[in-house]
C-alpha atoms as a PDB file:
ATOM      1  CA  MET A   1     -65.307  98.283  -9.549  1.00  0.00           C
ATOM      2  CA  THR A   2     -64.821 101.447  -7.674  1.00  0.00           C
ATOM      3  CA  GLY A   3     -66.685 100.062  -4.668  1.00  0.00           C
ATOM      4  CA  ARG A   4     -64.490  96.987  -4.610  1.00  0.00           C
ATOM      5  CA  ARG A   5     -61.298  99.085  -4.559  1.00  0.00           C
ATOM      6  CA  GLN A   6     -62.566 101.200  -1.726  1.00  0.00           C
ATOM      7  CA  ALA A   7     -63.489  98.148   0.309  1.00  0.00           C
ATOM      8  CA  ALA A   8     -60.042  96.595  -0.169  1.00  0.00           C
ATOM      9  CA  GLY A   9     -58.351  99.910   0.643  1.00  0.00           C
ATOM     10  CA  ALA A  10     -60.361 100.289   3.833  1.00  0.00           C
ATOM     11  CA  ARG A  11     -58.705  97.184   5.287  1.00  0.00           C
ATOM     12  CA  ASP A  12     -55.172  98.594   4.771  1.00  0.00           C
ATOM     13  CA  ARG A  13     -55.853 102.083   6.019  1.00  0.00           C
ATOM     14  CA  GLY A  14     -53.044 103.229   8.360  1.00  0.00           C
ATOM     15  CA  SER A  15     -50.721 100.235   7.957  1.00  0.00           C
ATOM     16  CA  ILE A  16     -48.036 102.202   6.096  1.00  0.00           C
ATOM     17  CA  SER A  17     -48.121 104.877   8.811  1.00  0.00           C
ATOM     18  CA  LEU A  18     -47.486 102.251  11.458  1.00  0.00           C
ATOM     19  CA  LEU A  19     -44.603 100.838   9.395  1.00  0.00           C
ATOM     20  CA  MET A  20     -43.048 104.303   9.051  1.00  0.00           C
ATOM     21  CA  VAL A  21     -43.296 104.862  12.826  1.00  0.00           C
ATOM     22  CA  VAL A  22     -41.509 101.554  13.474  1.00  0.00           C
ATOM     23  CA  ILE A  23     -38.781 102.429  10.950  1.00  0.00           C
ATOM     24  CA  GLY A  24     -38.413 105.889  12.504  1.00  0.00           C
ATOM     25  CA  VAL A  25     -38.087 104.493  16.022  1.00  0.00           C
ATOM     26  CA  ALA A  26     -35.485 101.967  14.835  1.00  0.00           C
ATOM     27  CA  PHE A  27     -33.531 104.734  13.103  1.00  0.00           C
ATOM     28  CA  VAL A  28     -33.560 106.980  16.185  1.00  0.00           C
ATOM     29  CA  GLY A  29     -32.485 104.042  18.368  1.00  0.00           C
ATOM     30  CA  ALA A  30     -29.569 103.253  16.056  1.00  0.00           C
ATOM     31  CA  LEU A  31     -28.601 106.932  15.990  1.00  0.00           C
ATOM     32  CA  LEU A  32     -28.586 107.175  19.788  1.00  0.00           C
ATOM     33  CA  ALA A  33     -26.534 103.989  20.078  1.00  0.00           C
ATOM     34  CA  GLY A  34     -24.016 105.386  17.588  1.00  0.00           C
ATOM     35  CA  ILE A  35     -23.759 108.651  19.483  1.00  0.00           C
ATOM     36  CA  GLY A  36     -23.158 106.752  22.732  1.00  0.00           C
ATOM     37  CA  LEU A  37     -20.435 104.597  21.202  1.00  0.00           C
ATOM     38  CA  GLY A  38     -18.814 107.616  19.581  1.00  0.00           C
ATOM     39  CA  GLY A  39     -18.830 109.503  22.874  1.00  0.00           C
ATOM     40  CA  ALA A  40     -17.247 106.569  24.681  1.00  0.00           C
ATOM     41  CA  LYS A  41     -14.522 106.339  22.022  1.00  0.00           C
ATOM     42  CA  VAL A  42     -13.786 110.069  22.319  1.00  0.00           C
ATOM     43  CA  ALA A  43     -13.675 109.795  26.126  1.00  0.00           C
ATOM     44  CA  TRP A  44     -11.223 106.884  25.926  1.00  0.00           C
ATOM     45  CA  HIS A  45      -8.918 108.842  23.596  1.00  0.00           C
ATOM     46  CA  ARG A  46      -9.062 111.877  25.870  1.00  0.00           C
ATOM     47  CA  ALA A  47      -8.260 109.676  28.867  1.00  0.00           C
ATOM     48  CA  GLN A  48      -5.332 108.044  27.070  1.00  0.00           C
ATOM     49  CA  ASN A  49      -3.903 111.434  26.099  1.00  0.00           C
ATOM     50  CA  ALA A  50      -4.245 112.710  29.669  1.00  0.00           C
ATOM     51  CA  ALA A  51      -2.634 109.535  31.063  1.00  0.00           C
ATOM     52  CA  ASP A  52       0.290 109.810  28.655  1.00  0.00           C
ATOM     53  CA  ALA A  53       0.810 113.476  29.505  1.00  0.00           C
ATOM     54  CA  GLY A  54       0.596 112.796  33.235  1.00  0.00           C
ATOM     55  CA  ALA A  55       3.019 109.872  33.131  1.00  0.00           C
ATOM     56  CA  LEU A  56       5.548 111.810  31.058  1.00  0.00           C
ATOM     57  CA  ALA A  57       5.310 114.892  33.272  1.00  0.00           C
ATOM     58  CA  GLY A  58       5.653 112.782  36.418  1.00  0.00           C
ATOM     59  CA  ALA A  59       8.615 110.824  35.047  1.00  0.00           C
ATOM     60  CA  VAL A  60      10.588 114.023  34.604  1.00  0.00           C
ATOM     61  CA  TRP A  61      10.275 114.644  38.360  1.00  0.00           C
ATOM     62  CA  ALA A  62      10.524 111.014  39.554  1.00  0.00           C
ATOM     63  CA  ILE A  63      14.036 111.654  40.838  1.00  0.00           C
ATOM     64  CA  ASP A  64      12.531 114.004  43.450  1.00  0.00           C
ATOM     65  CA  GLY A  65      10.327 111.238  44.869  1.00  0.00           C
ATOM     66  CA  PRO A  66       6.798 109.916  44.498  1.00  0.00           C
ATOM     67  CA  ALA A  67       5.078 112.898  46.125  1.00  0.00           C
ATOM     68  CA  VAL A  68       6.565 115.408  43.716  1.00  0.00           C
ATOM     69  CA  ALA A  69       6.210 113.156  40.672  1.00  0.00           C
ATOM     70  CA  CYS A  70       2.549 112.389  41.374  1.00  0.00           C
ATOM     71  CA  ALA A  71       1.760 116.048  42.113  1.00  0.00           C
ATOM     72  CA  VAL A  72       3.208 117.069  38.746  1.00  0.00           C
ATOM     73  CA  ALA A  73       1.407 114.189  37.029  1.00  0.00           C
ATOM     74  CA  GLY A  74      -1.846 115.269  38.669  1.00  0.00           C
ATOM     75  CA  ARG A  75      -1.453 118.822  37.390  1.00  0.00           C
ATOM     76  CA  ALA A  76      -0.823 117.549  33.857  1.00  0.00           C
ATOM     77  CA  VAL A  77      -3.860 115.263  34.040  1.00  0.00           C
ATOM     78  CA  THR A  78      -6.077 118.079  35.361  1.00  0.00           C
ATOM     79  CA  ALA A  79      -4.845 120.381  32.586  1.00  0.00           C
ATOM     80  CA  ASN A  80      -6.163 117.765  30.134  1.00  0.00           C
ATOM     81  CA  ASP A  81      -9.664 117.820  31.717  1.00  0.00           C
ATOM     82  CA  ALA A  82      -9.305 114.427  33.391  1.00  0.00           C
ATOM     83  CA  SER A  83      -9.178 113.110  36.964  1.00  0.00           C
ATOM     84  CA  LEU A  84      -6.189 111.290  38.425  1.00  0.00           C
ATOM     85  CA  VAL A  85      -7.370 107.914  39.733  1.00  0.00           C
ATOM     86  CA  SER A  86      -3.994 106.545  40.832  1.00  0.00           C
ATOM     87  CA  CYS A  87      -0.318 107.336  40.598  1.00  0.00           C
ATOM     88  CA  ALA A  88       2.575 105.086  41.538  1.00  0.00           C
ATOM     89  CA  VAL A  89       6.322 105.545  41.276  1.00  0.00           C
ATOM     90  CA  ASP A  90       8.662 102.571  41.008  1.00  0.00           C
ATOM     91  CA  GLY A  91      12.241 103.762  40.804  1.00  0.00           C
ATOM     92  CA  PHE A  92      12.137 106.238  37.936  1.00  0.00           C
ATOM     93  CA  GLU A  93       8.996 104.793  36.347  1.00  0.00           C
ATOM     94  CA  VAL A  94       5.678 106.536  36.857  1.00  0.00           C
ATOM     95  CA  TRP A  95       2.377 104.650  36.441  1.00  0.00           C
ATOM     96  CA  VAL A  96      -0.722 106.814  36.058  1.00  0.00           C
ATOM     97  CA  THR A  97      -4.403 105.890  35.749  1.00  0.00           C
ATOM     98  CA  VAL A  98      -6.892 108.588  34.803  1.00  0.00           C
ATOM     99  CA  GLU A  99     -10.609 108.914  34.181  1.00  0.00           C
ATOM    100  CA  VAL A 100     -12.567 111.263  31.924  1.00  0.00           C
ATOM    101  CA  ARG A 101     -16.247 111.979  32.515  1.00  0.00           C
ATOM    102  CA  LEU A 102     -18.486 113.240  29.753  1.00  0.00           C
ATOM    103  CA  GLY A 103     -21.380 115.560  30.478  1.00  0.00           C
ATOM    104  CA  ASP A 104     -25.079 114.712  30.234  1.00  0.00           C
ATOM    105  CA  GLY A 105     -24.704 111.308  31.872  1.00  0.00           C
ATOM    106  CA  MET A 106     -22.737 109.759  29.034  1.00  0.00           C
ATOM    107  CA  ALA A 107     -20.167 107.090  29.825  1.00  0.00           C
ATOM    108  CA  GLY A 108     -16.631 108.237  30.456  1.00  0.00           C
ATOM    109  CA  GLY A 109     -13.265 106.711  29.690  1.00  0.00           C
ATOM    110  CA  LYS A 110     -10.458 105.299  31.797  1.00  0.00           C
ATOM    111  CA  ALA A 111      -6.851 104.745  30.729  1.00  0.00           C
ATOM    112  CA  SER A 112      -3.406 104.021  32.155  1.00  0.00           C
ATOM    113  CA  ALA A 113       0.089 104.935  31.050  1.00  0.00           C
ATOM    114  CA  ARG A 114       3.664 104.339  32.129  1.00  0.00           C
ATOM    115  CA  ALA A 115       6.694 106.518  31.532  1.00  0.00           C
ATOM    116  CA  GLY A 116      10.282 106.267  32.587  1.00  0.00           C
ATOM    117  CA  PRO A 117      13.778 105.645  31.357  1.00  0.00           C
ATOM    118  CA  VAL A 118      14.596 102.948  28.844  1.00  0.00           C
ATOM    119  CA  TRP A 119      16.927 100.445  30.459  1.00  0.00           C
ATOM    120  CA  SER A 120      19.502  98.625  28.369  1.00  0.00           C
ATOM    121  CA  THR A 121      19.147  94.837  28.291  1.00  0.00           C
ATOM    122  CA  GLY A 122      22.409  94.307  26.417  1.00  0.00           C
ATOM    123  CA  THR A 123      25.826  93.157  27.711  1.00  0.00           C
ATOM    124  CA  GLY A 124      27.292  96.640  27.568  1.00  0.00           C
ATOM    125  CA  ASP A 125      29.311  96.008  24.400  1.00  0.00           C
ATOM    126  CA  ALA A 126      29.509  98.791  21.866  1.00  0.00           C
ATOM    127  CA  ASP A 127      27.951  96.443  19.302  1.00  0.00           C
ATOM    128  CA  ASP A 128      24.715  96.206  21.339  1.00  0.00           C
ATOM    129  CA  ASP A 129      23.734  99.767  20.438  1.00  0.00           C
ATOM    130  CA  ARG A 130      23.563  99.085  16.699  1.00  0.00           C
END
């Protein structure tokens, strides 16, 4: 009986090792995909924060014109480790689009924000403010 067991075992030699290699490769692939998605999510949040800060900073100076407002917005965006892609001023509203790049070739994030005064849509009656 011992000879029969050895003969049957000889056919399966190495199959579990191959299975473990396949499982390991699948696990590493899933891990790398998760890291990439997590990095993209972090980059998007960083971009959104930088866009919000830039739009708010620019809106404070919108009364001085688009050049001043966009310069201030650009400084706020740069202070948040992002790059200003575009800046537009419409009246007292400032629209900012920024981009964040992650190191090591990972995908970055892009976001936009708007800031400006809140305009009343009411009739001007005192009851509209309630």
